[in-house]
């Protein structure tokens, strides 16, 4: 767990995971509760949390991209696009961020 907090890409992976989990909670639990059971409280709580995590993921991706000098057309746009596709952060973590994190740890 400390490798996720101690490195730039590790923190990005952690934010991506939290953003993905918040989307799952929002879409699969909170929204059905709101519309099928007339219980909007969870959407009011989880919605803003997901919004903050989404913005944090986007801003932190840009920060890591600049500090790690990623090529925009090779890496950055894919990571940013993943935040717009439902559950894309899990995919991009497996396909791109994990490998970059391993390289960062090897330095």
PDB file of N, CA and C in Angstrom:
ATOM      1  N   UNK A   1       0.819  -1.194   0.000  1.00  0.00           N
ATOM      2  CA  UNK A   1       0.000   0.000   0.000  1.00  0.00           C
ATOM      3  C   UNK A   1       0.862   1.256   0.000  1.00  0.00           C
ATOM      4  N   UNK A   2       2.010   1.191   0.651  1.00  0.00           N
ATOM      5  CA  UNK A   2       2.866   2.380   0.711  1.00  0.00           C
ATOM      6  C   UNK A   2       3.412   2.754  -0.660  1.00  0.00           C
ATOM      7  N   UNK A   3       3.535   1.784  -1.579  1.00  0.00           N
ATOM      8  CA  UNK A   3       4.012   2.118  -2.925  1.00  0.00           C
ATOM      9  C   UNK A   3       2.982   2.938  -3.687  1.00  0.00           C
ATOM     10  N   UNK A   4       1.718   2.830  -3.311  1.00  0.00           N
ATOM     11  CA  UNK A   4       0.691   3.638  -3.959  1.00  0.00           C
ATOM     12  C   UNK A   4       0.742   5.087  -3.485  1.00  0.00           C
ATOM     13  N   UNK A   5       1.150   5.295  -2.275  1.00  0.00           N
ATOM     14  CA  UNK A   5       1.159   6.647  -1.723  1.00  0.00           C
ATOM     15  C   UNK A   5       2.483   7.344  -1.984  1.00  0.00           C
ATOM     16  N   UNK A   6       3.555   6.599  -2.098  1.00  0.00           N
ATOM     17  CA  UNK A   6       4.883   7.201  -2.183  1.00  0.00           C
ATOM     18  C   UNK A   6       5.305   7.601  -3.597  1.00  0.00           C
ATOM     19  N   UNK A   7       4.565   7.194  -4.616  1.00  0.00           N
ATOM     20  CA  UNK A   7       4.957   7.528  -5.985  1.00  0.00           C
ATOM     21  C   UNK A   7       3.839   8.279  -6.700  1.00  0.00           C
ATOM     22  N   UNK A   8       4.214   9.059  -7.702  1.00  0.00           N
ATOM     23  CA  UNK A   8       3.230   9.824  -8.476  1.00  0.00           C
ATOM     24  C   UNK A   8       2.213   8.916  -9.151  1.00  0.00           C
ATOM     25  N   UNK A   9       2.695   7.939  -9.868  1.00  0.00           N
ATOM     26  CA  UNK A   9       1.796   7.057 -10.609  1.00  0.00           C
ATOM     27  C   UNK A   9       1.014   6.171  -9.642  1.00  0.00           C
ATOM     28  N   UNK A  10       1.608   5.825  -8.525  1.00  0.00           N
ATOM     29  CA  UNK A  10       0.888   5.072  -7.510  1.00  0.00           C
ATOM     30  C   UNK A  10      -0.303   5.851  -6.979  1.00  0.00           C
ATOM     31  N   UNK A  11      -0.103   7.140  -6.721  1.00  0.00           N
ATOM     32  CA  UNK A  11      -1.223   7.977  -6.263  1.00  0.00           C
ATOM     33  C   UNK A  11      -2.277   8.117  -7.351  1.00  0.00           C
ATOM     34  N   UNK A  12      -1.840   8.218  -8.603  1.00  0.00           N
ATOM     35  CA  UNK A  12      -2.797   8.282  -9.713  1.00  0.00           C
ATOM     36  C   UNK A  12      -3.610   6.998  -9.792  1.00  0.00           C
ATOM     37  N   UNK A  13      -2.970   5.863  -9.615  1.00  0.00           N
ATOM     38  CA  UNK A  13      -3.681   4.585  -9.614  1.00  0.00           C
ATOM     39  C   UNK A  13      -4.686   4.509  -8.479  1.00  0.00           C
ATOM     40  N   UNK A  14      -4.316   5.014  -7.318  1.00  0.00           N
ATOM     41  CA  UNK A  14      -5.222   5.021  -6.169  1.00  0.00           C
ATOM     42  C   UNK A  14      -6.435   5.908  -6.439  1.00  0.00           C
ATOM     43  N   UNK A  15      -6.207   7.087  -6.991  1.00  0.00           N
ATOM     44  CA  UNK A  15      -7.317   7.980  -7.331  1.00  0.00           C
ATOM     45  C   UNK A  15      -8.209   7.335  -8.385  1.00  0.00           C
ATOM     46  N   UNK A  16      -7.611   6.681  -9.378  1.00  0.00           N
ATOM     47  CA  UNK A  16      -8.387   6.010 -10.424  1.00  0.00           C
ATOM     48  C   UNK A  16      -9.267   4.915  -9.824  1.00  0.00           C
ATOM     49  N   UNK A  17      -8.710   4.149  -8.899  1.00  0.00           N
ATOM     50  CA  UNK A  17      -9.477   3.085  -8.246  1.00  0.00           C
ATOM     51  C   UNK A  17     -10.648   3.663  -7.452  1.00  0.00           C
ATOM     52  N   UNK A  18     -10.382   4.701  -6.672  1.00  0.00           N
ATOM     53  CA  UNK A  18     -11.441   5.321  -5.878  1.00  0.00           C
ATOM     54  C   UNK A  18     -12.523   5.937  -6.762  1.00  0.00           C
ATOM     55  N   UNK A  19     -12.108   6.549  -7.866  1.00  0.00           N
ATOM     56  CA  UNK A  19     -13.077   7.133  -8.806  1.00  0.00           C
ATOM     57  C   UNK A  19     -13.952   6.041  -9.407  1.00  0.00           C
ATOM     58  N   UNK A  20     -13.346   4.921  -9.772  1.00  0.00           N
ATOM     59  CA  UNK A  20     -14.106   3.810 -10.332  1.00  0.00           C
ATOM     60  C   UNK A  20     -15.071   3.201  -9.324  1.00  0.00           C
ATOM     61  N   UNK A  21     -14.632   3.042  -8.092  1.00  0.00           N
ATOM     62  CA  UNK A  21     -15.499   2.505  -7.035  1.00  0.00           C
ATOM     63  C   UNK A  21     -16.663   3.455  -6.764  1.00  0.00           C
ATOM     64  N   UNK A  22     -16.382   4.757  -6.738  1.00  0.00           N
ATOM     65  CA  UNK A  22     -17.462   5.721  -6.486  1.00  0.00           C
ATOM     66  C   UNK A  22     -18.490   5.687  -7.612  1.00  0.00           C
ATOM     67  N   UNK A  23     -18.047   5.460  -8.845  1.00  0.00           N
ATOM     68  CA  UNK A  23     -18.990   5.354  -9.961  1.00  0.00           C
ATOM     69  C   UNK A  23     -19.850   4.100  -9.830  1.00  0.00           C
ATOM     70  N   UNK A  24     -19.238   3.001  -9.423  1.00  0.00           N
ATOM     71  CA  UNK A  24     -19.999   1.766  -9.218  1.00  0.00           C
ATOM     72  C   UNK A  24     -21.072   1.973  -8.148  1.00  0.00           C
ATOM     73  N   UNK A  25     -20.686   2.586  -7.042  1.00  0.00           N
ATOM     74  CA  UNK A  25     -21.662   2.836  -5.976  1.00  0.00           C
ATOM     75  C   UNK A  25     -22.771   3.747  -6.471  1.00  0.00           C
ATOM     76  N   UNK A  26     -22.387   4.788  -7.201  1.00  0.00           N
ATOM     77  CA  UNK A  26     -23.379   5.742  -7.699  1.00  0.00           C
ATOM     78  C   UNK A  26     -24.350   5.090  -8.677  1.00  0.00           C
ATOM     79  N   UNK A  27     -23.817   4.387  -9.667  1.00  0.00           N
ATOM     80  CA  UNK A  27     -24.657   3.837 -10.741  1.00  0.00           C
ATOM     81  C   UNK A  27     -25.427   2.591 -10.306  1.00  0.00           C
ATOM     82  N   UNK A  28     -24.789   1.724  -9.565  1.00  0.00           N
ATOM     83  CA  UNK A  28     -25.426   0.445  -9.245  1.00  0.00           C
ATOM     84  C   UNK A  28     -26.203   0.423  -7.929  1.00  0.00           C
ATOM     85  N   UNK A  29     -25.926   1.374  -7.057  1.00  0.00           N
ATOM     86  CA  UNK A  29     -26.629   1.387  -5.771  1.00  0.00           C
ATOM     87  C   UNK A  29     -27.447   2.659  -5.583  1.00  0.00           C
ATOM     88  N   UNK A  30     -26.795   3.814  -5.651  1.00  0.00           N
ATOM     89  CA  UNK A  30     -27.460   5.070  -5.303  1.00  0.00           C
ATOM     90  C   UNK A  30     -28.570   5.453  -6.278  1.00  0.00           C
ATOM     91  N   UNK A  31     -28.301   5.368  -7.569  1.00  0.00           N
ATOM     92  CA  UNK A  31     -29.322   5.760  -8.556  1.00  0.00           C
ATOM     93  C   UNK A  31     -30.537   4.825  -8.515  1.00  0.00           C
ATOM     94  N   UNK A  32     -30.357   3.503  -8.468  1.00  0.00           N
ATOM     95  CA  UNK A  32     -31.548   2.655  -8.322  1.00  0.00           C
ATOM     96  C   UNK A  32     -32.337   2.937  -7.047  1.00  0.00           C
ATOM     97  N   UNK A  33     -31.637   3.208  -5.945  1.00  0.00           N
ATOM     98  CA  UNK A  33     -32.356   3.548  -4.716  1.00  0.00           C
ATOM     99  C   UNK A  33     -33.170   4.832  -4.890  1.00  0.00           C
ATOM    100  N   UNK A  34     -32.603   5.770  -5.611  1.00  0.00           N
ATOM    101  CA  UNK A  34     -33.304   7.043  -5.814  1.00  0.00           C
ATOM    102  C   UNK A  34     -34.561   6.851  -6.660  1.00  0.00           C
ATOM    103  N   UNK A  35     -34.450   6.147  -7.758  1.00  0.00           N
ATOM    104  CA  UNK A  35     -35.566   6.064  -8.699  1.00  0.00           C
ATOM    105  C   UNK A  35     -36.551   4.935  -8.417  1.00  0.00           C
ATOM    106  N   UNK A  36     -36.097   3.843  -7.841  1.00  0.00           N
ATOM    107  CA  UNK A  36     -37.014   2.733  -7.584  1.00  0.00           C
ATOM    108  C   UNK A  36     -37.607   2.738  -6.180  1.00  0.00           C
ATOM    109  N   UNK A  37     -36.865   3.345  -5.236  1.00  0.00           N
ATOM    110  CA  UNK A  37     -37.328   3.323  -3.853  1.00  0.00           C
ATOM    111  C   UNK A  37     -37.514   4.717  -3.261  1.00  0.00           C
ATOM    112  N   UNK A  38     -37.410   5.732  -4.127  1.00  0.00           N
ATOM    113  CA  UNK A  38     -37.605   7.125  -3.716  1.00  0.00           C
ATOM    114  C   UNK A  38     -36.723   7.474  -2.512  1.00  0.00           C
ATOM    115  N   UNK A  39     -35.440   7.112  -2.626  1.00  0.00           N
ATOM    116  CA  UNK A  39     -34.468   7.375  -1.561  1.00  0.00           C
ATOM    117  C   UNK A  39     -33.264   8.102  -2.166  1.00  0.00           C
ATOM    118  N   UNK A  40     -33.357   9.437  -2.314  1.00  0.00           N
ATOM    119  CA  UNK A  40     -32.311  10.188  -3.011  1.00  0.00           C
ATOM    120  C   UNK A  40     -31.092  10.553  -2.162  1.00  0.00           C
ATOM    121  N   UNK A  41     -31.097  10.241  -0.883  1.00  0.00           N
ATOM    122  CA  UNK A  41     -30.017  10.665   0.000  1.00  0.00           C
ATOM    123  C   UNK A  41     -28.646  10.164  -0.454  1.00  0.00           C
ATOM    124  N   UNK A  42     -28.567   8.919  -0.864  1.00  0.00           N
ATOM    125  CA  UNK A  42     -27.276   8.357  -1.262  1.00  0.00           C
ATOM    126  C   UNK A  42     -26.720   9.058  -2.501  1.00  0.00           C
ATOM    127  N   UNK A  43     -27.583   9.428  -3.437  1.00  0.00           N
ATOM    128  CA  UNK A  43     -27.123  10.170  -4.619  1.00  0.00           C
ATOM    129  C   UNK A  43     -26.582  11.534  -4.189  1.00  0.00           C
ATOM    130  N   UNK A  44     -27.240  12.165  -3.232  1.00  0.00           N
ATOM    131  CA  UNK A  44     -26.790  13.473  -2.755  1.00  0.00           C
ATOM    132  C   UNK A  44     -25.443  13.393  -2.040  1.00  0.00           C
ATOM    133  N   UNK A  45     -25.133  12.257  -1.479  1.00  0.00           N
ATOM    134  CA  UNK A  45     -23.854  12.080  -0.784  1.00  0.00           C
ATOM    135  C   UNK A  45     -22.775  11.584  -1.742  1.00  0.00           C
ATOM    136  N   UNK A  46     -23.069  10.529  -2.475  1.00  0.00           N
ATOM    137  CA  UNK A  46     -22.065   9.894  -3.333  1.00  0.00           C
ATOM    138  C   UNK A  46     -21.796  10.712  -4.601  1.00  0.00           C
ATOM    139  N   UNK A  47     -22.807  11.397  -5.120  1.00  0.00           N
ATOM    140  CA  UNK A  47     -22.643  12.185  -6.341  1.00  0.00           C
ATOM    141  C   UNK A  47     -21.524  13.210  -6.242  1.00  0.00           C
ATOM    142  N   UNK A  48     -21.535  14.084  -5.234  1.00  0.00           N
ATOM    143  CA  UNK A  48     -20.440  15.055  -5.105  1.00  0.00           C
ATOM    144  C   UNK A  48     -19.080  14.408  -4.818  1.00  0.00           C
ATOM    145  N   UNK A  49     -19.082  13.316  -4.067  1.00  0.00           N
ATOM    146  CA  UNK A  49     -17.814  12.618  -3.812  1.00  0.00           C
ATOM    147  C   UNK A  49     -17.242  12.107  -5.127  1.00  0.00           C
ATOM    148  N   UNK A  50     -18.091  11.503  -5.945  1.00  0.00           N
ATOM    149  CA  UNK A  50     -17.637  11.024  -7.251  1.00  0.00           C
ATOM    150  C   UNK A  50     -17.156  12.190  -8.112  1.00  0.00           C
ATOM    151  N   UNK A  51     -17.861  13.305  -8.066  1.00  0.00           N
ATOM    152  CA  UNK A  51     -17.451  14.476  -8.843  1.00  0.00           C
ATOM    153  C   UNK A  51     -16.074  14.977  -8.454  1.00  0.00           C
ATOM    154  N   UNK A  52     -15.805  15.033  -7.162  1.00  0.00           N
ATOM    155  CA  UNK A  52     -14.491  15.474  -6.688  1.00  0.00           C
ATOM    156  C   UNK A  52     -13.409  14.479  -7.105  1.00  0.00           C
ATOM    157  N   UNK A  53     -13.698  13.191  -6.985  1.00  0.00           N
ATOM    158  CA  UNK A  53     -12.724  12.175  -7.400  1.00  0.00           C
ATOM    159  C   UNK A  53     -12.474  12.224  -8.905  1.00  0.00           C
ATOM    160  N   UNK A  54     -13.533  12.462  -9.688  1.00  0.00           N
ATOM    161  CA  UNK A  54     -13.386  12.576 -11.139  1.00  0.00           C
ATOM    162  C   UNK A  54     -12.473  13.748 -11.486  1.00  0.00           C
ATOM    163  N   UNK A  55     -12.750  14.916 -10.904  1.00  0.00           N
ATOM    164  CA  UNK A  55     -11.911  16.091 -11.173  1.00  0.00           C
ATOM    165  C   UNK A  55     -10.491  15.872 -10.671  1.00  0.00           C
ATOM    166  N   UNK A  56     -10.362  15.246  -9.510  1.00  0.00           N
ATOM    167  CA  UNK A  56      -9.032  14.939  -8.991  1.00  0.00           C
ATOM    168  C   UNK A  56      -8.261  14.030  -9.930  1.00  0.00           C
ATOM    169  N   UNK A  57      -8.943  13.043 -10.487  1.00  0.00           N
ATOM    170  CA  UNK A  57      -8.295  12.134 -11.427  1.00  0.00           C
ATOM    171  C   UNK A  57      -7.822  12.885 -12.668  1.00  0.00           C
ATOM    172  N   UNK A  58      -8.668  13.747 -13.211  1.00  0.00           N
ATOM    173  CA  UNK A  58      -8.300  14.501 -14.417  1.00  0.00           C
ATOM    174  C   UNK A  58      -7.114  15.420 -14.124  1.00  0.00           C
ATOM    175  N   UNK A  59      -7.191  16.209 -13.058  1.00  0.00           N
ATOM    176  CA  UNK A  59      -6.111  17.139 -12.741  1.00  0.00           C
ATOM    177  C   UNK A  59      -4.819  16.414 -12.386  1.00  0.00           C
ATOM    178  N   UNK A  60      -4.934  15.326 -11.652  1.00  0.00           N
ATOM    179  CA  UNK A  60      -3.732  14.590 -11.273  1.00  0.00           C
ATOM    180  C   UNK A  60      -3.116  13.885 -12.484  1.00  0.00           C
ATOM    181  N   UNK A  61      -3.948  13.447 -13.413  1.00  0.00           N
ATOM    182  CA  UNK A  61      -3.420  12.860 -14.649  1.00  0.00           C
ATOM    183  C   UNK A  61      -2.587  13.883 -15.401  1.00  0.00           C
ATOM    184  N   UNK A  62      -3.099  15.098 -15.504  1.00  0.00           N
ATOM    185  CA  UNK A  62      -2.353  16.164 -16.192  1.00  0.00           C
ATOM    186  C   UNK A  62      -1.042  16.440 -15.455  1.00  0.00           C
ATOM    187  N   UNK A  63      -1.093  16.495 -14.139  1.00  0.00           N
ATOM    188  CA  UNK A  63       0.122  16.737 -13.353  1.00  0.00           C
ATOM    189  C   UNK A  63       1.167  15.650 -13.583  1.00  0.00           C
ATOM    190  N   UNK A  64       0.724  14.395 -13.478  1.00  0.00           N
ATOM    191  CA  UNK A  64       1.659  13.274 -13.673  1.00  0.00           C
ATOM    192  C   UNK A  64       2.194  13.279 -15.097  1.00  0.00           C
ATOM    193  N   UNK A  65       1.332  13.573 -16.043  1.00  0.00           N
ATOM    194  CA  UNK A  65       1.739  13.622 -17.450  1.00  0.00           C
ATOM    195  C   UNK A  65       2.852  14.641 -17.669  1.00  0.00           C
ATOM    196  N   UNK A  66       2.706  15.801 -17.070  1.00  0.00           N
ATOM    197  CA  UNK A  66       3.729  16.836 -17.224  1.00  0.00           C
ATOM    198  C   UNK A  66       5.011  16.472 -16.489  1.00  0.00           C
ATOM    199  N   UNK A  67       4.898  15.961 -15.275  1.00  0.00           N
ATOM    200  CA  UNK A  67       6.094  15.631 -14.499  1.00  0.00           C
ATOM    201  C   UNK A  67       6.842  14.421 -15.055  1.00  0.00           C
ATOM    202  N   UNK A  68       6.107  13.448 -15.566  1.00  0.00           N
ATOM    203  CA  UNK A  68       6.732  12.245 -16.118  1.00  0.00           C
ATOM    204  C   UNK A  68       7.061  12.395 -17.607  1.00  0.00           C
ATOM    205  N   UNK A  69       6.666  13.537 -18.170  1.00  0.00           N
ATOM    206  CA  UNK A  69       6.898  13.849 -19.585  1.00  0.00           C
ATOM    207  C   UNK A  69       6.327  12.777 -20.515  1.00  0.00           C
ATOM    208  N   UNK A  70       5.064  12.423 -20.252  1.00  0.00           N
ATOM    209  CA  UNK A  70       4.383  11.484 -21.133  1.00  0.00           C
ATOM    210  C   UNK A  70       4.129  12.146 -22.478  1.00  0.00           C
ATOM    211  N   UNK A  71       4.164  11.360 -23.522  1.00  0.00           N
ATOM    212  CA  UNK A  71       3.754  11.831 -24.844  1.00  0.00           C
ATOM    213  C   UNK A  71       2.228  11.874 -24.850  1.00  0.00           C
ATOM    214  N   UNK A  72       1.663  13.018 -25.247  1.00  0.00           N
ATOM    215  CA  UNK A  72       0.215  13.179 -25.174  1.00  0.00           C
ATOM    216  C   UNK A  72      -0.506  12.117 -25.997  1.00  0.00           C
ATOM    217  N   UNK A  73      -0.098  11.917 -27.237  1.00  0.00           N
ATOM    218  CA  UNK A  73      -0.821  11.006 -28.127  1.00  0.00           C
ATOM    219  C   UNK A  73      -0.531   9.538 -27.837  1.00  0.00           C
ATOM    220  N   UNK A  74       0.470   9.271 -27.021  1.00  0.00           N
ATOM    221  CA  UNK A  74       0.774   7.880 -26.691  1.00  0.00           C
ATOM    222  C   UNK A  74       0.102   7.437 -25.388  1.00  0.00           C
ATOM    223  N   UNK A  75       0.075   8.302 -24.392  1.00  0.00           N
ATOM    224  CA  UNK A  75      -0.397   7.886 -23.071  1.00  0.00           C
ATOM    225  C   UNK A  75      -1.464   8.797 -22.483  1.00  0.00           C
ATOM    226  N   UNK A  76      -1.195  10.091 -22.434  1.00  0.00           N
ATOM    227  CA  UNK A  76      -2.048  11.017 -21.681  1.00  0.00           C
ATOM    228  C   UNK A  76      -3.495  10.984 -22.132  1.00  0.00           C
ATOM    229  N   UNK A  77      -3.738  11.043 -23.432  1.00  0.00           N
ATOM    230  CA  UNK A  77      -5.125  11.100 -23.900  1.00  0.00           C
ATOM    231  C   UNK A  77      -5.886   9.829 -23.552  1.00  0.00           C
ATOM    232  N   UNK A  78      -5.192   8.687 -23.545  1.00  0.00           N
ATOM    233  CA  UNK A  78      -5.863   7.428 -23.197  1.00  0.00           C
ATOM    234  C   UNK A  78      -6.294   7.426 -21.733  1.00  0.00           C
ATOM    235  N   UNK A  79      -5.409   7.913 -20.873  1.00  0.00           N
ATOM    236  CA  UNK A  79      -5.741   7.946 -19.448  1.00  0.00           C
ATOM    237  C   UNK A  79      -6.881   8.928 -19.200  1.00  0.00           C
ATOM    238  N   UNK A  80      -6.843  10.094 -19.846  1.00  0.00           N
ATOM    239  CA  UNK A  80      -7.924  11.066 -19.692  1.00  0.00           C
ATOM    240  C   UNK A  80      -9.239  10.526 -20.245  1.00  0.00           C
ATOM    241  N   UNK A  81      -9.194   9.874 -21.382  1.00  0.00           N
ATOM    242  CA  UNK A  81     -10.404   9.310 -21.983  1.00  0.00           C
ATOM    243  C   UNK A  81     -11.023   8.248 -21.076  1.00  0.00           C
ATOM    244  N   UNK A  82     -10.189   7.523 -20.375  1.00  0.00           N
ATOM    245  CA  UNK A  82     -10.701   6.463 -19.505  1.00  0.00           C
ATOM    246  C   UNK A  82     -11.630   6.994 -18.421  1.00  0.00           C
ATOM    247  N   UNK A  83     -11.453   8.255 -18.047  1.00  0.00           N
ATOM    248  CA  UNK A  83     -12.315   8.817 -17.011  1.00  0.00           C
ATOM    249  C   UNK A  83     -13.708   9.144 -17.544  1.00  0.00           C
ATOM    250  N   UNK A  84     -13.858   9.199 -18.852  1.00  0.00           N
ATOM    251  CA  UNK A  84     -15.157   9.493 -19.459  1.00  0.00           C
ATOM    252  C   UNK A  84     -15.944   8.239 -19.808  1.00  0.00           C
ATOM    253  N   UNK A  85     -15.272   7.114 -19.855  1.00  0.00           N
ATOM    254  CA  UNK A  85     -15.908   5.836 -20.177  1.00  0.00           C
ATOM    255  C   UNK A  85     -16.215   5.118 -18.868  1.00  0.00           C
ATOM    256  N   UNK A  86     -17.457   4.707 -18.669  1.00  0.00           N
ATOM    257  CA  UNK A  86     -17.776   4.019 -17.410  1.00  0.00           C
ATOM    258  C   UNK A  86     -16.845   2.840 -17.149  1.00  0.00           C
ATOM    259  N   UNK A  87     -16.263   2.842 -15.985  1.00  0.00           N
ATOM    260  CA  UNK A  87     -15.343   1.812 -15.514  1.00  0.00           C
ATOM    261  C   UNK A  87     -14.046   1.765 -16.319  1.00  0.00           C
ATOM    262  N   UNK A  88     -13.785   2.793 -17.107  1.00  0.00           N
ATOM    263  CA  UNK A  88     -12.561   2.860 -17.904  1.00  0.00           C
ATOM    264  C   UNK A  88     -11.306   2.995 -17.069  1.00  0.00           C
ATOM    265  N   UNK A  89     -11.437   3.550 -15.866  1.00  0.00           N
ATOM    266  CA  UNK A  89     -10.244   3.705 -15.027  1.00  0.00           C
ATOM    267  C   UNK A  89      -9.676   2.352 -14.596  1.00  0.00           C
ATOM    268  N   UNK A  90     -10.540   1.359 -14.453  1.00  0.00           N
ATOM    269  CA  UNK A  90     -10.046   0.016 -14.108  1.00  0.00           C
ATOM    270  C   UNK A  90      -9.276  -0.585 -15.287  1.00  0.00           C
ATOM    271  N   UNK A  91      -9.799  -0.384 -16.481  1.00  0.00           N
ATOM    272  CA  UNK A  91      -9.139  -0.905 -17.681  1.00  0.00           C
ATOM    273  C   UNK A  91      -7.780  -0.235 -17.881  1.00  0.00           C
ATOM    274  N   UNK A  92      -7.759   1.085 -17.783  1.00  0.00           N
ATOM    275  CA  UNK A  92      -6.522   1.813 -18.045  1.00  0.00           C
ATOM    276  C   UNK A  92      -5.482   1.524 -16.960  1.00  0.00           C
ATOM    277  N   UNK A  93      -5.935   1.233 -15.756  1.00  0.00           N
ATOM    278  CA  UNK A  93      -5.000   0.856 -14.704  1.00  0.00           C
ATOM    279  C   UNK A  93      -4.286  -0.433 -15.075  1.00  0.00           C
ATOM    280  N   UNK A  94      -5.037  -1.393 -15.553  1.00  0.00           N
ATOM    281  CA  UNK A  94      -4.457  -2.685 -15.910  1.00  0.00           C
ATOM    282  C   UNK A  94      -3.565  -2.583 -17.155  1.00  0.00           C
ATOM    283  N   UNK A  95      -4.001  -1.821 -18.151  1.00  0.00           N
ATOM    284  CA  UNK A  95      -3.291  -1.791 -19.431  1.00  0.00           C
ATOM    285  C   UNK A  95      -2.110  -0.819 -19.470  1.00  0.00           C
ATOM    286  N   UNK A  96      -2.187   0.299 -18.744  1.00  0.00           N
ATOM    287  CA  UNK A  96      -1.130   1.313 -18.845  1.00  0.00           C
ATOM    288  C   UNK A  96      -0.486   1.627 -17.499  1.00  0.00           C
ATOM    289  N   UNK A  97      -1.303   2.009 -16.525  1.00  0.00           N
ATOM    290  CA  UNK A  97      -0.746   2.549 -15.284  1.00  0.00           C
ATOM    291  C   UNK A  97       0.049   1.536 -14.480  1.00  0.00           C
ATOM    292  N   UNK A  98      -0.364   0.293 -14.471  1.00  0.00           N
ATOM    293  CA  UNK A  98       0.373  -0.728 -13.712  1.00  0.00           C
ATOM    294  C   UNK A  98       1.804  -0.855 -14.234  1.00  0.00           C
ATOM    295  N   UNK A  99       1.954  -0.913 -15.542  1.00  0.00           N
ATOM    296  CA  UNK A  99       3.297  -1.019 -16.124  1.00  0.00           C
ATOM    297  C   UNK A  99       4.148   0.203 -15.847  1.00  0.00           C
ATOM    298  N   UNK A 100       3.551   1.383 -15.961  1.00  0.00           N
ATOM    299  CA  UNK A 100       4.286   2.618 -15.665  1.00  0.00           C
ATOM    300  C   UNK A 100       4.675   2.684 -14.195  1.00  0.00           C
ATOM    301  N   UNK A 101       3.794   2.209 -13.334  1.00  0.00           N
ATOM    302  CA  UNK A 101       4.083   2.197 -11.901  1.00  0.00           C
ATOM    303  C   UNK A 101       5.237   1.245 -11.601  1.00  0.00           C
ATOM    304  N   UNK A 102       5.240   0.089 -12.233  1.00  0.00           N
ATOM    305  CA  UNK A 102       6.337  -0.858 -12.031  1.00  0.00           C
ATOM    306  C   UNK A 102       7.672  -0.261 -12.486  1.00  0.00           C
ATOM    307  N   UNK A 103       7.633   0.468 -13.619  1.00  0.00           N
ATOM    308  CA  UNK A 103       8.845   1.136 -14.095  1.00  0.00           C
ATOM    309  C   UNK A 103       9.298   2.217 -13.121  1.00  0.00           C
ATOM    310  N   UNK A 104       8.339   2.948 -12.578  1.00  0.00           N
ATOM    311  CA  UNK A 104       8.677   4.001 -11.609  1.00  0.00           C
ATOM    312  C   UNK A 104       9.304   3.400 -10.345  1.00  0.00           C
ATOM    313  N   UNK A 105       8.792   2.271  -9.908  1.00  0.00           N
ATOM    314  CA  UNK A 105       9.342   1.625  -8.711  1.00  0.00           C
ATOM    315  C   UNK A 105      10.736   1.057  -8.964  1.00  0.00           C
ATOM    316  N   UNK A 106      11.000   0.659 -10.209  1.00  0.00           N
ATOM    317  CA  UNK A 106      12.299   0.082 -10.539  1.00  0.00           C
ATOM    318  C   UNK A 106      13.398   1.132 -10.607  1.00  0.00           C
ATOM    319  N   UNK A 107      13.019   2.397 -10.756  1.00  0.00           N
ATOM    320  CA  UNK A 107      14.047   3.460 -10.836  1.00  0.00           C
ATOM    321  C   UNK A 107      14.729   3.666  -9.528  1.00  0.00           C
TER     322      UNK A 107
END
